[in-house]
């Protein structure tokens, strides 16, 4: 009976996936952060926002908060998204989605070639976040 109950609970959790997805969002643009946070909350995700790559990396390395996904802007003044992607890929097994206003194929391919799980072009739409 205990095994059946556990399986039922696991099945229920899978039915709600990806609700509760813990997302770290990195962007130096406050407005974009606010918009992304609101969209992610509408998807029933749990966003945490930071404005620079160094802070994001410190949070990830400290391990005090667990994340399921990182969404990072490509261009940030302190550390570009590609460098953050590289450091995350070296240190942890965490999917990274790149985000940019630049839809140039070379930029998109650079992100994918460096190991990004996905690449979204701003402005992001809610259906893109759900996927």
Protein backbone atom coordinates (compact mmCIF):
# COMPACT_ATOMS: atom_id res chain seq x y z
CA UNK A 1 0.00 0.00 0.00
CA UNK A 2 2.82 2.42 0.84
CA UNK A 3 4.36 1.93 -2.63
CA UNK A 4 1.02 2.65 -4.31
CA UNK A 5 0.59 5.85 -2.31
CA UNK A 6 4.12 6.99 -3.21
CA UNK A 7 3.47 6.29 -6.91
CA UNK A 8 0.20 8.27 -6.75
CA UNK A 9 2.05 11.22 -5.20
CA UNK A 10 4.79 11.05 -7.85
CA UNK A 11 2.16 10.89 -10.61
CA UNK A 12 0.37 13.92 -9.16
CA UNK A 13 3.64 15.86 -9.03
CA UNK A 14 4.37 15.00 -12.66
CA UNK A 15 0.90 16.19 -13.70
CA UNK A 16 1.66 19.62 -12.24
CA UNK A 17 5.13 19.87 -13.79
CA UNK A 18 6.52 22.40 -14.58
CA UNK A 19 4.59 24.30 -11.88
CA UNK A 20 6.97 25.34 -9.16
CA UNK A 21 9.98 25.38 -11.50
CA UNK A 22 12.73 27.38 -9.74
CA UNK A 23 14.16 29.86 -12.23
CA UNK A 24 17.11 32.20 -11.77
CA UNK A 25 16.77 35.16 -14.15
CA UNK A 26 19.82 37.33 -14.92
CA UNK A 27 19.42 40.64 -16.76
CA UNK A 28 20.84 44.12 -16.18
CA UNK A 29 17.61 45.74 -17.41
CA UNK A 30 15.23 46.28 -14.46
CA UNK A 31 12.17 46.53 -16.70
CA UNK A 32 12.96 43.25 -18.45
CA UNK A 33 13.50 41.59 -15.08
CA UNK A 34 10.15 42.82 -13.81
CA UNK A 35 8.34 41.68 -16.96
CA UNK A 36 10.03 38.26 -16.92
CA UNK A 37 9.29 37.81 -13.23
CA UNK A 38 5.60 38.59 -13.79
CA UNK A 39 5.38 36.22 -16.77
CA UNK A 40 7.15 33.44 -14.89
CA UNK A 41 4.78 33.85 -11.93
CA UNK A 42 1.82 33.61 -14.31
CA UNK A 43 3.26 30.26 -15.41
CA UNK A 44 3.31 29.27 -11.71
CA UNK A 45 7.11 29.19 -11.67
CA UNK A 46 9.25 30.47 -8.79
CA UNK A 47 11.52 33.20 -10.21
CA UNK A 48 14.50 34.76 -8.51
CA UNK A 49 15.94 37.80 -10.27
CA UNK A 50 19.43 39.29 -10.22
CA UNK A 51 20.98 42.08 -12.25
CA UNK A 52 24.47 40.72 -12.85
CA UNK A 53 26.29 37.53 -13.68
CA UNK A 54 28.66 37.64 -10.72
CA UNK A 55 25.79 37.70 -8.24
CA UNK A 56 24.07 34.86 -10.11
CA UNK A 57 27.25 32.79 -10.05
CA UNK A 58 27.75 33.44 -6.32
CA UNK A 59 24.17 32.33 -5.61
CA UNK A 60 24.57 29.19 -7.69
CA UNK A 61 27.94 28.28 -6.15
CA UNK A 62 26.74 28.90 -2.59
CA UNK A 63 24.00 26.33 -3.15
CA UNK A 64 21.74 27.88 -0.52
CA UNK A 65 19.00 28.14 -3.12
CA UNK A 66 18.35 25.38 -5.59
CA UNK A 67 17.38 26.23 -9.17
CA UNK A 68 16.02 24.14 -12.00
CA UNK A 69 16.82 26.61 -14.78
CA UNK A 70 18.82 29.78 -15.45
CA UNK A 71 17.62 32.37 -17.95
CA UNK A 72 20.33 34.90 -18.76
CA UNK A 73 20.57 37.88 -21.05
CA UNK A 74 23.42 37.64 -23.53
CA UNK A 75 24.73 41.17 -23.05
CA UNK A 76 25.43 42.38 -19.53
CA UNK A 77 28.12 44.87 -18.47
CA UNK A 78 29.86 42.76 -15.82
CA UNK A 79 29.89 39.32 -17.48
CA UNK A 80 28.29 38.44 -20.77
CA UNK A 81 25.78 35.62 -20.91
CA UNK A 82 28.14 33.37 -22.84
CA UNK A 83 30.75 33.55 -20.06
CA UNK A 84 28.08 32.85 -17.43
CA UNK A 85 26.85 29.92 -19.53
CA UNK A 86 30.39 28.55 -19.78
CA UNK A 87 30.97 28.79 -16.03
CA UNK A 88 27.64 27.17 -15.19
CA UNK A 89 28.27 24.33 -17.65
CA UNK A 90 31.73 23.72 -16.12
CA UNK A 91 30.56 23.65 -12.51
CA UNK A 92 27.02 22.26 -12.47
CA UNK A 93 24.43 20.34 -14.40
CA UNK A 94 21.86 23.07 -14.91
CA UNK A 95 20.04 24.06 -18.10
CA UNK A 96 20.64 27.62 -19.27
CA UNK A 97 18.37 29.54 -21.61
CA UNK A 98 19.89 32.54 -23.37
CA UNK A 99 17.90 35.72 -23.87
CA UNK A 100 18.65 38.60 -26.24
CA UNK A 101 17.17 41.40 -28.31
CA UNK A 102 19.54 40.22 -31.03
CA UNK A 103 17.97 37.58 -33.25
CA UNK A 104 21.06 37.29 -35.46
CA UNK A 105 21.56 33.64 -36.40
CA UNK A 106 25.26 33.81 -35.44
CA UNK A 107 24.40 34.94 -31.90
CA UNK A 108 21.76 32.24 -31.52
CA UNK A 109 24.11 29.54 -32.84
CA UNK A 110 26.91 30.72 -30.54
CA UNK A 111 24.60 30.20 -27.57
CA UNK A 112 23.52 26.76 -28.72
CA UNK A 113 27.11 25.77 -29.61
CA UNK A 114 28.23 26.78 -26.11
CA UNK A 115 25.61 24.51 -24.53
CA UNK A 116 22.52 26.67 -24.07
CA UNK A 117 19.34 24.65 -23.76
CA UNK A 118 17.33 27.27 -25.58
CA UNK A 119 17.54 30.79 -26.97
CA UNK A 120 14.69 33.31 -26.63
CA UNK A 121 14.44 36.66 -28.35
CA UNK A 122 13.08 39.69 -26.48
CA UNK A 123 10.33 40.54 -25.99
CA UNK A 124 9.58 37.15 -24.50
CA UNK A 125 6.05 35.85 -24.72
CA UNK A 126 4.37 33.69 -22.13
CA UNK A 127 3.95 30.69 -24.44
CA UNK A 128 7.73 30.67 -25.00
CA UNK A 129 8.31 30.50 -21.24
CA UNK A 130 5.85 27.65 -20.86
CA UNK A 131 7.69 25.64 -23.49
